[in-house]
Amino acid sequence: MVLMIMIARACDGLPLAASLQEDEQSGRGLLDYQNQAKMLFKKLTPNSPTKCSIETGPYVFHYVIDSGVCHLVLCERGYSKKTAFTFVEEMAAEFSSQYGRRVDQVARPYSFIEFDTYIQKLRRQYSDQRGRRHLHQLREDLNDVQRIMMDNIDDVLQRGTALSDLENKASGLSMMSKKYHKDAQYLNMRSTYAKIAAGAVVTLVFFVYFFIF
């Protein structure tokens, strides 16, 4: 279940739109999580991953950065990650269509709060199980959500870990993988050269033995 949606400008964290609902299970509002979302927006950098999931208590933030705008949702842990990101990407496409050219011009928070009308419509669509299955079939080419980076809200906020660190970790792993691949190619090449040299030595010895002696 999608509990909260917030949309903000990525460069400065300015909130552009939001849609909240009461968390019936805990009996309290989502103000704490709204504040966490605002702090996350402030920590975004140009190197931040464009897709990320961040655990926070019994919930998970999922966000997508598209065209300089961060689209974030708060979901229950048991809510399908694939469904969450499909929801976010569809919402992002509609937001870009309606307001994309005006994002850099606004200075007032929640300048596009009327977008909540579309968000509520999308929420109702995704709350229908049959509609959700149909949307899954239409988006079978969605990127493998298992590759989307996961972190914990405490690491990101309380320990001062910038979201760009996640990208750096991924880049480091990629570089290590390339290095190991190159090392393996080098060792295979050396092995091949050694075999060729051994064959040449045997041939030379054979030639000397039979044709000279």
N, C-alpha and C. Protein backbone atom coordinates (compact mmCIF):
# COMPACT_ATOMS: atom_id res chain seq x y z
N MET A 1 0.83 -1.20 0.00
CA MET A 1 0.00 0.00 0.00
C MET A 1 0.87 1.26 0.00
N VAL A 2 0.55 2.20 -0.88
CA VAL A 2 1.27 3.47 -0.93
C VAL A 2 0.66 4.41 0.11
N LEU A 3 1.46 4.79 1.09
CA LEU A 3 0.97 5.60 2.20
C LEU A 3 1.19 7.10 1.99
N MET A 4 2.26 7.45 1.28
CA MET A 4 2.60 8.85 1.13
C MET A 4 3.35 9.05 -0.17
N ILE A 5 3.09 10.16 -0.82
CA ILE A 5 3.80 10.53 -2.04
C ILE A 5 4.32 11.95 -1.87
N MET A 6 5.58 12.17 -2.21
CA MET A 6 6.14 13.51 -2.22
C MET A 6 6.98 13.68 -3.48
N ILE A 7 6.89 14.87 -4.06
CA ILE A 7 7.64 15.19 -5.27
C ILE A 7 8.42 16.47 -5.00
N ALA A 8 9.71 16.47 -5.31
CA ALA A 8 10.55 17.63 -5.00
C ALA A 8 11.55 17.87 -6.12
N ARG A 9 12.00 19.11 -6.22
CA ARG A 9 13.05 19.44 -7.18
C ARG A 9 14.38 18.90 -6.65
N ALA A 10 15.09 18.17 -7.48
CA ALA A 10 16.27 17.45 -7.01
C ALA A 10 17.42 18.37 -6.65
N CYS A 11 17.56 19.50 -7.32
CA CYS A 11 18.73 20.35 -7.12
C CYS A 11 18.74 21.06 -5.78
N ASP A 12 17.56 21.36 -5.21
CA ASP A 12 17.51 22.07 -3.94
C ASP A 12 16.52 21.50 -2.94
N GLY A 13 15.81 20.42 -3.31
CA GLY A 13 14.88 19.79 -2.38
C GLY A 13 13.56 20.51 -2.21
N LEU A 14 13.26 21.50 -3.05
CA LEU A 14 12.01 22.24 -2.92
C LEU A 14 10.82 21.32 -3.18
N PRO A 15 9.90 21.16 -2.19
CA PRO A 15 8.71 20.31 -2.42
C PRO A 15 7.82 20.92 -3.50
N LEU A 16 7.39 20.11 -4.43
CA LEU A 16 6.55 20.57 -5.53
C LEU A 16 5.11 20.09 -5.41
N ALA A 17 4.94 18.87 -4.88
CA ALA A 17 3.60 18.31 -4.72
C ALA A 17 3.67 17.22 -3.66
N ALA A 18 2.52 16.87 -3.10
CA ALA A 18 2.47 15.83 -2.07
C ALA A 18 1.06 15.27 -1.98
N SER A 19 1.00 14.05 -1.49
CA SER A 19 -0.28 13.41 -1.23
C SER A 19 -0.11 12.51 -0.03
N LEU A 20 -0.83 12.80 1.06
CA LEU A 20 -0.66 12.07 2.31
C LEU A 20 -1.97 11.41 2.71
N GLN A 21 -1.83 10.35 3.50
CA GLN A 21 -3.01 9.74 4.11
C GLN A 21 -2.61 9.21 5.47
N GLU A 22 -3.59 9.07 6.34
CA GLU A 22 -3.32 8.62 7.69
C GLU A 22 -2.88 7.16 7.72
N ASP A 23 -1.90 6.86 8.58
CA ASP A 23 -1.44 5.49 8.79
C ASP A 23 -2.36 4.86 9.82
N GLU A 24 -3.33 4.10 9.37
CA GLU A 24 -4.34 3.54 10.26
C GLU A 24 -3.77 2.51 11.22
N GLN A 25 -2.73 1.79 10.83
CA GLN A 25 -2.19 0.73 11.67
C GLN A 25 -1.56 1.29 12.94
N SER A 26 -0.82 2.35 12.84
CA SER A 26 -0.14 2.90 14.01
C SER A 26 -0.98 3.94 14.72
N GLY A 27 -2.08 4.38 14.08
CA GLY A 27 -2.97 5.31 14.72
C GLY A 27 -2.42 6.73 14.78
N ARG A 28 -1.39 7.02 14.00
CA ARG A 28 -0.87 8.39 13.99
C ARG A 28 -0.59 8.81 12.56
N GLY A 29 -0.38 10.09 12.37
CA GLY A 29 -0.13 10.60 11.02
C GLY A 29 1.26 10.25 10.54
N LEU A 30 1.56 10.71 9.36
CA LEU A 30 2.83 10.41 8.71
C LEU A 30 3.78 11.61 8.74
N LEU A 31 3.60 12.48 9.72
CA LEU A 31 4.43 13.68 9.79
C LEU A 31 5.91 13.36 9.91
N ASP A 32 6.26 12.37 10.75
CA ASP A 32 7.68 12.00 10.92
C ASP A 32 8.29 11.57 9.60
N TYR A 33 7.55 10.79 8.84
CA TYR A 33 8.07 10.29 7.57
C TYR A 33 8.11 11.40 6.52
N GLN A 34 7.18 12.35 6.62
CA GLN A 34 7.23 13.49 5.73
C GLN A 34 8.49 14.31 5.98
N ASN A 35 8.85 14.47 7.25
CA ASN A 35 10.08 15.20 7.59
C ASN A 35 11.32 14.44 7.12
N GLN A 36 11.29 13.11 7.25
CA GLN A 36 12.40 12.31 6.76
C GLN A 36 12.56 12.48 5.24
N ALA A 37 11.43 12.50 4.55
CA ALA A 37 11.47 12.67 3.09
C ALA A 37 12.09 14.02 2.73
N LYS A 38 11.72 15.07 3.45
CA LYS A 38 12.28 16.39 3.17
C LYS A 38 13.79 16.40 3.40
N MET A 39 14.26 15.69 4.45
CA MET A 39 15.69 15.63 4.70
C MET A 39 16.40 14.84 3.61
N LEU A 40 15.75 13.78 3.11
CA LEU A 40 16.33 13.02 2.00
C LEU A 40 16.49 13.89 0.77
N PHE A 41 15.48 14.69 0.48
CA PHE A 41 15.56 15.58 -0.68
C PHE A 41 16.76 16.52 -0.56
N LYS A 42 17.03 17.00 0.64
CA LYS A 42 18.13 17.94 0.85
C LYS A 42 19.49 17.26 0.65
N LYS A 43 19.54 15.94 0.79
CA LYS A 43 20.81 15.23 0.65
C LYS A 43 21.09 14.75 -0.77
N LEU A 44 20.16 14.98 -1.67
CA LEU A 44 20.37 14.57 -3.05
C LEU A 44 21.49 15.38 -3.69
N THR A 45 22.30 14.72 -4.49
CA THR A 45 23.38 15.37 -5.23
C THR A 45 23.31 14.89 -6.68
N PRO A 46 24.06 15.52 -7.58
CA PRO A 46 24.07 15.05 -8.98
C PRO A 46 24.56 13.62 -9.12
N ASN A 47 25.29 13.11 -8.11
CA ASN A 47 25.79 11.73 -8.17
C ASN A 47 24.87 10.73 -7.47
N SER A 48 23.76 11.18 -6.95
CA SER A 48 22.84 10.27 -6.26
C SER A 48 22.27 9.26 -7.25
N PRO A 49 22.05 8.02 -6.79
CA PRO A 49 21.44 7.01 -7.69
C PRO A 49 20.06 7.48 -8.13
N THR A 50 19.71 7.21 -9.36
CA THR A 50 18.43 7.66 -9.89
C THR A 50 17.27 6.79 -9.42
N LYS A 51 17.57 5.62 -8.90
CA LYS A 51 16.55 4.75 -8.31
C LYS A 51 17.10 4.21 -7.00
N CYS A 52 16.28 4.24 -5.95
CA CYS A 52 16.78 3.75 -4.67
C CYS A 52 15.61 3.38 -3.76
N SER A 53 15.84 2.41 -2.89
CA SER A 53 14.89 2.03 -1.84
C SER A 53 15.57 2.22 -0.50
N ILE A 54 14.89 2.84 0.45
CA ILE A 54 15.47 3.16 1.76
C ILE A 54 14.52 2.70 2.85
N GLU A 55 14.99 1.79 3.69
CA GLU A 55 14.16 1.27 4.77
C GLU A 55 14.04 2.29 5.90
N THR A 56 12.84 2.39 6.47
CA THR A 56 12.61 3.27 7.60
C THR A 56 11.53 2.65 8.48
N GLY A 57 11.95 2.06 9.59
CA GLY A 57 11.00 1.40 10.48
C GLY A 57 10.25 0.31 9.75
N PRO A 58 8.92 0.30 9.86
CA PRO A 58 8.13 -0.75 9.19
C PRO A 58 7.84 -0.44 7.73
N TYR A 59 8.43 0.63 7.21
CA TYR A 59 8.12 1.07 5.85
C TYR A 59 9.39 1.16 4.99
N VAL A 60 9.17 1.47 3.73
CA VAL A 60 10.28 1.64 2.79
C VAL A 60 9.98 2.84 1.89
N PHE A 61 10.97 3.73 1.76
CA PHE A 61 10.90 4.79 0.75
C PHE A 61 11.40 4.22 -0.57
N HIS A 62 10.70 4.50 -1.65
CA HIS A 62 11.16 4.20 -2.99
C HIS A 62 11.16 5.51 -3.76
N TYR A 63 12.26 5.82 -4.43
CA TYR A 63 12.25 7.06 -5.21
C TYR A 63 12.88 6.86 -6.57
N VAL A 64 12.48 7.75 -7.47
CA VAL A 64 13.03 7.81 -8.83
C VAL A 64 13.32 9.27 -9.13
N ILE A 65 14.51 9.55 -9.65
CA ILE A 65 14.85 10.91 -10.08
C ILE A 65 14.73 10.95 -11.60
N ASP A 66 13.89 11.84 -12.09
CA ASP A 66 13.64 11.93 -13.53
C ASP A 66 13.54 13.40 -13.92
N SER A 67 14.36 13.82 -14.89
CA SER A 67 14.34 15.19 -15.41
C SER A 67 14.48 16.23 -14.31
N GLY A 68 15.37 15.96 -13.35
CA GLY A 68 15.64 16.92 -12.30
C GLY A 68 14.61 16.95 -11.19
N VAL A 69 13.72 15.97 -11.16
CA VAL A 69 12.67 15.91 -10.14
C VAL A 69 12.73 14.56 -9.44
N CYS A 70 12.64 14.59 -8.10
CA CYS A 70 12.64 13.35 -7.32
C CYS A 70 11.20 12.99 -6.95
N HIS A 71 10.79 11.82 -7.37
CA HIS A 71 9.44 11.32 -7.09
C HIS A 71 9.58 10.21 -6.05
N LEU A 72 8.98 10.39 -4.88
CA LEU A 72 9.20 9.48 -3.75
C LEU A 72 7.87 8.99 -3.20
N VAL A 73 7.84 7.71 -2.86
CA VAL A 73 6.66 7.13 -2.21
C VAL A 73 7.09 6.38 -0.95
N LEU A 74 6.20 6.34 0.02
CA LEU A 74 6.41 5.55 1.24
C LEU A 74 5.42 4.40 1.22
N CYS A 75 5.95 3.17 1.32
CA CYS A 75 5.11 1.98 1.23
C CYS A 75 5.36 1.06 2.42
N GLU A 76 4.40 0.19 2.67
CA GLU A 76 4.61 -0.88 3.65
C GLU A 76 5.68 -1.82 3.13
N ARG A 77 6.40 -2.46 4.05
CA ARG A 77 7.49 -3.35 3.64
C ARG A 77 7.01 -4.49 2.74
N GLY A 78 5.80 -4.96 2.98
CA GLY A 78 5.30 -6.08 2.20
C GLY A 78 4.77 -5.70 0.83
N TYR A 79 4.75 -4.42 0.54
CA TYR A 79 4.23 -3.97 -0.76
C TYR A 79 5.25 -4.29 -1.85
N SER A 80 4.77 -4.79 -2.96
CA SER A 80 5.64 -5.20 -4.06
C SER A 80 6.54 -4.04 -4.52
N LYS A 81 7.85 -4.29 -4.54
CA LYS A 81 8.79 -3.26 -4.99
C LYS A 81 8.57 -2.96 -6.48
N LYS A 82 8.29 -3.98 -7.24
CA LYS A 82 8.06 -3.77 -8.67
C LYS A 82 6.84 -2.89 -8.89
N THR A 83 5.76 -3.16 -8.13
CA THR A 83 4.56 -2.34 -8.24
C THR A 83 4.84 -0.91 -7.82
N ALA A 84 5.61 -0.73 -6.74
CA ALA A 84 5.93 0.61 -6.24
C ALA A 84 6.66 1.42 -7.30
N PHE A 85 7.67 0.82 -7.94
CA PHE A 85 8.43 1.56 -8.93
C PHE A 85 7.65 1.77 -10.22
N THR A 86 6.76 0.86 -10.55
CA THR A 86 5.88 1.07 -11.70
C THR A 86 4.97 2.26 -11.44
N PHE A 87 4.44 2.32 -10.21
CA PHE A 87 3.60 3.44 -9.79
C PHE A 87 4.36 4.76 -9.91
N VAL A 88 5.59 4.78 -9.36
CA VAL A 88 6.39 6.01 -9.35
C VAL A 88 6.72 6.45 -10.78
N GLU A 89 7.09 5.52 -11.63
CA GLU A 89 7.48 5.89 -12.99
C GLU A 89 6.29 6.39 -13.79
N GLU A 90 5.12 5.81 -13.57
CA GLU A 90 3.93 6.31 -14.28
C GLU A 90 3.58 7.71 -13.78
N MET A 91 3.67 7.91 -12.47
CA MET A 91 3.41 9.22 -11.90
C MET A 91 4.41 10.26 -12.41
N ALA A 92 5.69 9.87 -12.48
CA ALA A 92 6.73 10.78 -12.94
C ALA A 92 6.49 11.21 -14.39
N ALA A 93 6.06 10.26 -15.22
CA ALA A 93 5.81 10.58 -16.63
C ALA A 93 4.67 11.60 -16.76
N GLU A 94 3.63 11.43 -15.96
CA GLU A 94 2.51 12.36 -16.01
C GLU A 94 2.90 13.74 -15.47
N PHE A 95 3.66 13.74 -14.39
CA PHE A 95 4.11 15.01 -13.81
C PHE A 95 4.97 15.78 -14.80
N SER A 96 5.88 15.08 -15.45
CA SER A 96 6.75 15.72 -16.43
C SER A 96 5.94 16.29 -17.59
N SER A 97 4.91 15.56 -17.99
CA SER A 97 4.06 16.01 -19.08
C SER A 97 3.32 17.29 -18.72
N GLN A 98 2.86 17.39 -17.47
CA GLN A 98 2.06 18.54 -17.05
C GLN A 98 2.90 19.74 -16.64
N TYR A 99 4.02 19.46 -15.92
CA TYR A 99 4.74 20.56 -15.29
C TYR A 99 6.24 20.62 -15.62
N GLY A 100 6.71 19.73 -16.45
CA GLY A 100 8.14 19.62 -16.68
C GLY A 100 8.82 20.93 -17.04
N ARG A 101 8.19 21.75 -17.86
CA ARG A 101 8.80 22.99 -18.32
C ARG A 101 8.76 24.09 -17.26
N ARG A 102 7.97 23.89 -16.21
CA ARG A 102 7.81 24.94 -15.20
C ARG A 102 8.58 24.64 -13.92
N VAL A 103 9.18 23.48 -13.81
CA VAL A 103 9.82 23.07 -12.57
C VAL A 103 10.92 24.04 -12.15
N ASP A 104 11.74 24.48 -13.08
CA ASP A 104 12.86 25.36 -12.74
C ASP A 104 12.43 26.79 -12.45
N GLN A 105 11.18 27.13 -12.76
CA GLN A 105 10.73 28.51 -12.62
C GLN A 105 10.09 28.81 -11.28
N VAL A 106 9.62 27.81 -10.57
CA VAL A 106 8.86 28.06 -9.34
C VAL A 106 9.79 28.26 -8.16
N ALA A 107 9.33 29.06 -7.18
CA ALA A 107 10.10 29.31 -5.97
C ALA A 107 9.26 29.02 -4.72
N ARG A 108 7.98 28.84 -4.89
CA ARG A 108 7.08 28.60 -3.76
C ARG A 108 6.89 27.10 -3.55
N PRO A 109 7.00 26.62 -2.29
CA PRO A 109 6.78 25.19 -2.03
C PRO A 109 5.37 24.75 -2.44
N TYR A 110 5.28 23.54 -2.92
CA TYR A 110 4.01 22.91 -3.30
C TYR A 110 3.28 23.73 -4.37
N SER A 111 4.03 24.22 -5.34
CA SER A 111 3.43 25.01 -6.41
C SER A 111 2.50 24.18 -7.29
N PHE A 112 2.70 22.86 -7.28
CA PHE A 112 1.87 21.99 -8.12
C PHE A 112 1.02 21.05 -7.26
N ILE A 113 0.51 21.56 -6.16
CA ILE A 113 -0.25 20.73 -5.22
C ILE A 113 -1.51 20.16 -5.87
N GLU A 114 -1.99 20.81 -6.94
CA GLU A 114 -3.19 20.31 -7.62
C GLU A 114 -2.93 18.96 -8.30
N PHE A 115 -1.66 18.58 -8.41
CA PHE A 115 -1.32 17.28 -9.00
C PHE A 115 -1.85 16.14 -8.14
N ASP A 116 -2.25 16.45 -6.90
CA ASP A 116 -2.81 15.43 -6.02
C ASP A 116 -4.05 14.78 -6.62
N THR A 117 -4.77 15.52 -7.45
CA THR A 117 -5.96 14.96 -8.10
C THR A 117 -5.59 13.75 -8.95
N TYR A 118 -4.51 13.89 -9.72
CA TYR A 118 -4.05 12.77 -10.54
C TYR A 118 -3.51 11.65 -9.65
N ILE A 119 -2.78 12.00 -8.58
CA ILE A 119 -2.21 10.99 -7.69
C ILE A 119 -3.31 10.14 -7.08
N GLN A 120 -4.38 10.77 -6.62
CA GLN A 120 -5.48 10.02 -6.02
C GLN A 120 -6.12 9.07 -7.04
N LYS A 121 -6.23 9.52 -8.27
CA LYS A 121 -6.77 8.66 -9.33
C LYS A 121 -5.86 7.47 -9.56
N LEU A 122 -4.55 7.73 -9.58
CA LEU A 122 -3.59 6.64 -9.79
C LEU A 122 -3.61 5.67 -8.61
N ARG A 123 -3.76 6.20 -7.43
CA ARG A 123 -3.84 5.34 -6.23
C ARG A 123 -5.02 4.39 -6.33
N ARG A 124 -6.17 4.89 -6.71
CA ARG A 124 -7.35 4.04 -6.83
C ARG A 124 -7.13 2.96 -7.88
N GLN A 125 -6.46 3.33 -8.94
CA GLN A 125 -6.18 2.36 -10.01
C GLN A 125 -5.30 1.24 -9.49
N TYR A 126 -4.29 1.58 -8.71
CA TYR A 126 -3.36 0.57 -8.21
C TYR A 126 -3.91 -0.21 -7.03
N SER A 127 -4.94 0.31 -6.40
CA SER A 127 -5.54 -0.42 -5.28
C SER A 127 -6.39 -1.59 -5.77
N ASP A 128 -6.75 -1.56 -7.04
CA ASP A 128 -7.53 -2.64 -7.62
C ASP A 128 -6.60 -3.77 -8.02
N GLN A 129 -6.80 -4.95 -7.48
CA GLN A 129 -5.90 -6.08 -7.74
C GLN A 129 -5.87 -6.46 -9.21
N ARG A 130 -7.01 -6.42 -9.86
CA ARG A 130 -7.04 -6.79 -11.27
C ARG A 130 -6.28 -5.77 -12.09
N GLY A 131 -6.45 -4.50 -11.78
CA GLY A 131 -5.73 -3.47 -12.49
C GLY A 131 -4.23 -3.58 -12.26
N ARG A 132 -3.85 -3.95 -11.05
CA ARG A 132 -2.43 -4.09 -10.73
C ARG A 132 -1.80 -5.21 -11.55
N ARG A 133 -2.49 -6.36 -11.66
CA ARG A 133 -1.96 -7.46 -12.47
C ARG A 133 -1.85 -7.04 -13.93
N HIS A 134 -2.84 -6.29 -14.42
CA HIS A 134 -2.80 -5.83 -15.80
C HIS A 134 -1.61 -4.90 -16.03
N LEU A 135 -1.34 -4.03 -15.08
CA LEU A 135 -0.21 -3.12 -15.21
C LEU A 135 1.11 -3.87 -15.21
N HIS A 136 1.19 -4.95 -14.43
CA HIS A 136 2.41 -5.77 -14.42
C HIS A 136 2.66 -6.35 -15.80
N GLN A 137 1.60 -6.81 -16.45
CA GLN A 137 1.76 -7.40 -17.77
C GLN A 137 2.21 -6.35 -18.78
N LEU A 138 1.72 -5.13 -18.65
CA LEU A 138 2.08 -4.08 -19.59
C LEU A 138 3.51 -3.61 -19.40
N ARG A 139 4.08 -3.88 -18.22
CA ARG A 139 5.43 -3.37 -17.91
C ARG A 139 6.40 -4.50 -17.59
N GLU A 140 6.34 -5.56 -18.37
CA GLU A 140 7.25 -6.68 -18.14
C GLU A 140 8.70 -6.32 -18.44
N ASP A 141 8.90 -5.24 -19.20
CA ASP A 141 10.25 -4.81 -19.52
C ASP A 141 10.82 -3.85 -18.49
N LEU A 142 10.13 -3.68 -17.35
CA LEU A 142 10.65 -2.81 -16.29
C LEU A 142 11.98 -3.37 -15.80
N ASN A 143 12.94 -2.49 -15.52
CA ASN A 143 14.26 -2.93 -15.04
C ASN A 143 14.12 -3.81 -13.81
N ASP A 144 15.00 -4.78 -13.70
CA ASP A 144 14.99 -5.72 -12.58
C ASP A 144 15.12 -4.94 -11.27
N VAL A 145 14.07 -4.98 -10.45
CA VAL A 145 14.08 -4.19 -9.22
C VAL A 145 15.11 -4.70 -8.22
N GLN A 146 15.58 -5.91 -8.40
CA GLN A 146 16.59 -6.41 -7.47
C GLN A 146 17.90 -5.64 -7.58
N ARG A 147 18.12 -4.95 -8.71
CA ARG A 147 19.34 -4.19 -8.91
C ARG A 147 19.25 -2.79 -8.32
N ILE A 148 18.04 -2.40 -7.89
CA ILE A 148 17.87 -1.07 -7.30
C ILE A 148 18.50 -1.06 -5.93
N MET A 149 19.25 -0.01 -5.64
CA MET A 149 20.03 0.04 -4.42
C MET A 149 19.11 0.16 -3.20
N MET A 150 19.51 -0.51 -2.10
CA MET A 150 18.75 -0.49 -0.86
C MET A 150 19.66 0.02 0.25
N ASP A 151 19.12 0.91 1.09
CA ASP A 151 19.87 1.39 2.24
C ASP A 151 18.90 1.59 3.39
N ASN A 152 19.43 2.00 4.54
CA ASN A 152 18.63 2.21 5.73
C ASN A 152 18.56 3.69 6.03
N ILE A 153 17.41 4.16 6.51
CA ILE A 153 17.22 5.57 6.76
C ILE A 153 18.20 6.11 7.79
N ASP A 154 18.58 5.29 8.79
CA ASP A 154 19.54 5.74 9.80
C ASP A 154 20.89 6.02 9.17
N ASP A 155 21.30 5.17 8.22
CA ASP A 155 22.58 5.36 7.55
C ASP A 155 22.58 6.65 6.74
N VAL A 156 21.44 6.93 6.12
CA VAL A 156 21.36 8.08 5.24
C VAL A 156 21.24 9.39 6.02
N LEU A 157 20.45 9.38 7.08
CA LEU A 157 20.18 10.61 7.82
C LEU A 157 21.06 10.78 9.06
N GLN A 158 20.96 9.85 10.02
CA GLN A 158 21.64 10.03 11.30
C GLN A 158 23.15 9.92 11.20
N ARG A 159 23.63 9.03 10.35
CA ARG A 159 25.08 8.86 10.22
C ARG A 159 25.68 9.76 9.16
N GLY A 160 24.84 10.57 8.54
CA GLY A 160 25.35 11.55 7.58
C GLY A 160 25.80 10.96 6.28
N THR A 161 25.31 9.79 5.92
CA THR A 161 25.70 9.16 4.66
C THR A 161 24.95 9.81 3.52
N ALA A 162 25.66 10.46 2.62
CA ALA A 162 25.01 11.08 1.46
C ALA A 162 24.57 10.00 0.49
N LEU A 163 23.51 10.28 -0.24
CA LEU A 163 23.02 9.30 -1.20
C LEU A 163 24.03 9.04 -2.30
N SER A 164 24.91 9.98 -2.53
CA SER A 164 25.93 9.76 -3.56
C SER A 164 26.88 8.63 -3.18
N ASP A 165 27.02 8.34 -1.86
CA ASP A 165 27.89 7.25 -1.44
C ASP A 165 27.41 5.93 -2.00
N LEU A 166 26.10 5.79 -2.16
CA LEU A 166 25.57 4.54 -2.71
C LEU A 166 26.05 4.35 -4.14
N GLU A 167 26.07 5.45 -4.89
CA GLU A 167 26.54 5.38 -6.27
C GLU A 167 28.02 5.06 -6.30
N ASN A 168 28.78 5.64 -5.36
CA ASN A 168 30.22 5.37 -5.32
C ASN A 168 30.50 3.90 -5.03
N LYS A 169 29.69 3.31 -4.11
CA LYS A 169 29.86 1.89 -3.80
C LYS A 169 29.62 1.04 -5.04
N ALA A 170 28.56 1.37 -5.76
CA ALA A 170 28.25 0.61 -6.97
C ALA A 170 29.35 0.77 -8.01
N SER A 171 29.86 2.00 -8.15
CA SER A 171 30.94 2.24 -9.12
C SER A 171 32.19 1.46 -8.73
N GLY A 172 32.48 1.42 -7.41
CA GLY A 172 33.66 0.68 -6.95
C GLY A 172 33.56 -0.79 -7.26
N LEU A 173 32.38 -1.36 -7.04
CA LEU A 173 32.19 -2.78 -7.34
C LEU A 173 32.34 -3.04 -8.84
N SER A 174 31.83 -2.10 -9.64
CA SER A 174 31.95 -2.26 -11.09
C SER A 174 33.40 -2.22 -11.53
N MET A 175 34.18 -1.30 -10.95
CA MET A 175 35.60 -1.19 -11.30
C MET A 175 36.37 -2.43 -10.89
N MET A 176 36.04 -2.97 -9.68
CA MET A 176 36.71 -4.19 -9.24
C MET A 176 36.39 -5.35 -10.16
N SER A 177 35.14 -5.43 -10.59
CA SER A 177 34.75 -6.51 -11.50
C SER A 177 35.52 -6.41 -12.82
N LYS A 178 35.66 -5.17 -13.35
CA LYS A 178 36.41 -5.00 -14.59
C LYS A 178 37.87 -5.36 -14.41
N LYS A 179 38.44 -5.02 -13.24
CA LYS A 179 39.84 -5.33 -12.97
C LYS A 179 40.07 -6.84 -12.95
N TYR A 180 39.17 -7.55 -12.23
CA TYR A 180 39.31 -9.01 -12.18
C TYR A 180 39.16 -9.62 -13.57
N HIS A 181 38.27 -9.04 -14.38
CA HIS A 181 38.08 -9.56 -15.73
C HIS A 181 39.35 -9.38 -16.56
N LYS A 182 39.98 -8.19 -16.44
CA LYS A 182 41.21 -7.93 -17.16
C LYS A 182 42.33 -8.85 -16.68
N ASP A 183 42.41 -9.06 -15.34
CA ASP A 183 43.44 -9.94 -14.81
C ASP A 183 43.27 -11.36 -15.34
N ALA A 184 42.02 -11.80 -15.42
CA ALA A 184 41.76 -13.14 -15.93
C ALA A 184 42.16 -13.27 -17.38
N GLN A 185 41.87 -12.21 -18.17
CA GLN A 185 42.27 -12.23 -19.58
C GLN A 185 43.79 -12.27 -19.71
N TYR A 186 44.48 -11.51 -18.84
CA TYR A 186 45.94 -11.47 -18.88
C TYR A 186 46.53 -12.84 -18.55
N LEU A 187 45.98 -13.51 -17.53
CA LEU A 187 46.48 -14.83 -17.15
C LEU A 187 46.22 -15.84 -18.25
N ASN A 188 45.05 -15.75 -18.88
CA ASN A 188 44.75 -16.67 -19.98
C ASN A 188 45.69 -16.45 -21.14
N MET A 189 46.03 -15.20 -21.41
CA MET A 189 46.95 -14.88 -22.50
C MET A 189 48.34 -15.44 -22.20
N ARG A 190 48.79 -15.27 -20.94
CA ARG A 190 50.10 -15.79 -20.56
C ARG A 190 50.13 -17.30 -20.69
N SER A 191 49.05 -17.95 -20.29
CA SER A 191 48.98 -19.41 -20.40
C SER A 191 49.07 -19.85 -21.86
N THR A 192 48.37 -19.10 -22.73
CA THR A 192 48.39 -19.44 -24.17
C THR A 192 49.80 -19.27 -24.74
N TYR A 193 50.46 -18.15 -24.38
CA TYR A 193 51.82 -17.92 -24.87
C TYR A 193 52.78 -19.01 -24.37
N ALA A 194 52.58 -19.45 -23.11
CA ALA A 194 53.44 -20.49 -22.55
C ALA A 194 53.29 -21.80 -23.31
N LYS A 195 52.04 -22.12 -23.68
CA LYS A 195 51.80 -23.34 -24.44
C LYS A 195 52.45 -23.26 -25.82
N ILE A 196 52.33 -22.08 -26.46
CA ILE A 196 52.93 -21.90 -27.78
C ILE A 196 54.45 -22.02 -27.70
N ALA A 197 55.04 -21.41 -26.66
CA ALA A 197 56.49 -21.47 -26.50
C ALA A 197 56.96 -22.90 -26.26
N ALA A 198 56.20 -23.64 -25.45
CA ALA A 198 56.58 -25.03 -25.18
C ALA A 198 56.53 -25.86 -26.45
N GLY A 199 55.50 -25.61 -27.26
CA GLY A 199 55.38 -26.33 -28.52
C GLY A 199 56.52 -26.00 -29.46
N ALA A 200 56.93 -24.73 -29.47
CA ALA A 200 58.03 -24.31 -30.33
C ALA A 200 59.34 -24.96 -29.91
N VAL A 201 59.58 -25.07 -28.60
CA VAL A 201 60.80 -25.69 -28.09
C VAL A 201 60.86 -27.16 -28.48
N VAL A 202 59.73 -27.84 -28.32
CA VAL A 202 59.68 -29.27 -28.69
C VAL A 202 59.96 -29.44 -30.18
N THR A 203 59.37 -28.57 -31.00
CA THR A 203 59.59 -28.65 -32.45
C THR A 203 61.05 -28.40 -32.81
N LEU A 204 61.66 -27.44 -32.13
CA LEU A 204 63.05 -27.11 -32.40
C LEU A 204 63.97 -28.27 -32.02
N VAL A 205 63.71 -28.86 -30.86
CA VAL A 205 64.52 -30.00 -30.42
C VAL A 205 64.39 -31.15 -31.41
N PHE A 206 63.15 -31.40 -31.84
CA PHE A 206 62.90 -32.47 -32.81
C PHE A 206 63.67 -32.21 -34.10
N PHE A 207 63.64 -30.97 -34.57
CA PHE A 207 64.34 -30.60 -35.80
C PHE A 207 65.86 -30.77 -35.66
N VAL A 208 66.41 -30.30 -34.56
CA VAL A 208 67.86 -30.41 -34.33
C VAL A 208 68.29 -31.86 -34.25
N TYR A 209 67.50 -32.67 -33.53
CA TYR A 209 67.87 -34.08 -33.31
C TYR A 209 67.89 -34.86 -34.61
N PHE A 210 66.86 -34.70 -35.44
CA PHE A 210 66.71 -35.55 -36.63
C PHE A 210 67.44 -35.00 -37.88
N PHE A 211 67.61 -33.69 -37.96
CA PHE A 211 68.15 -33.14 -39.17
C PHE A 211 69.60 -32.68 -39.05
N ILE A 212 70.09 -32.51 -37.85
CA ILE A 212 71.48 -32.12 -37.66
C ILE A 212 72.35 -33.28 -37.21
N PHE A 213 71.82 -34.04 -36.25
CA PHE A 213 72.59 -35.18 -35.76
C PHE A 213 72.29 -36.43 -36.58
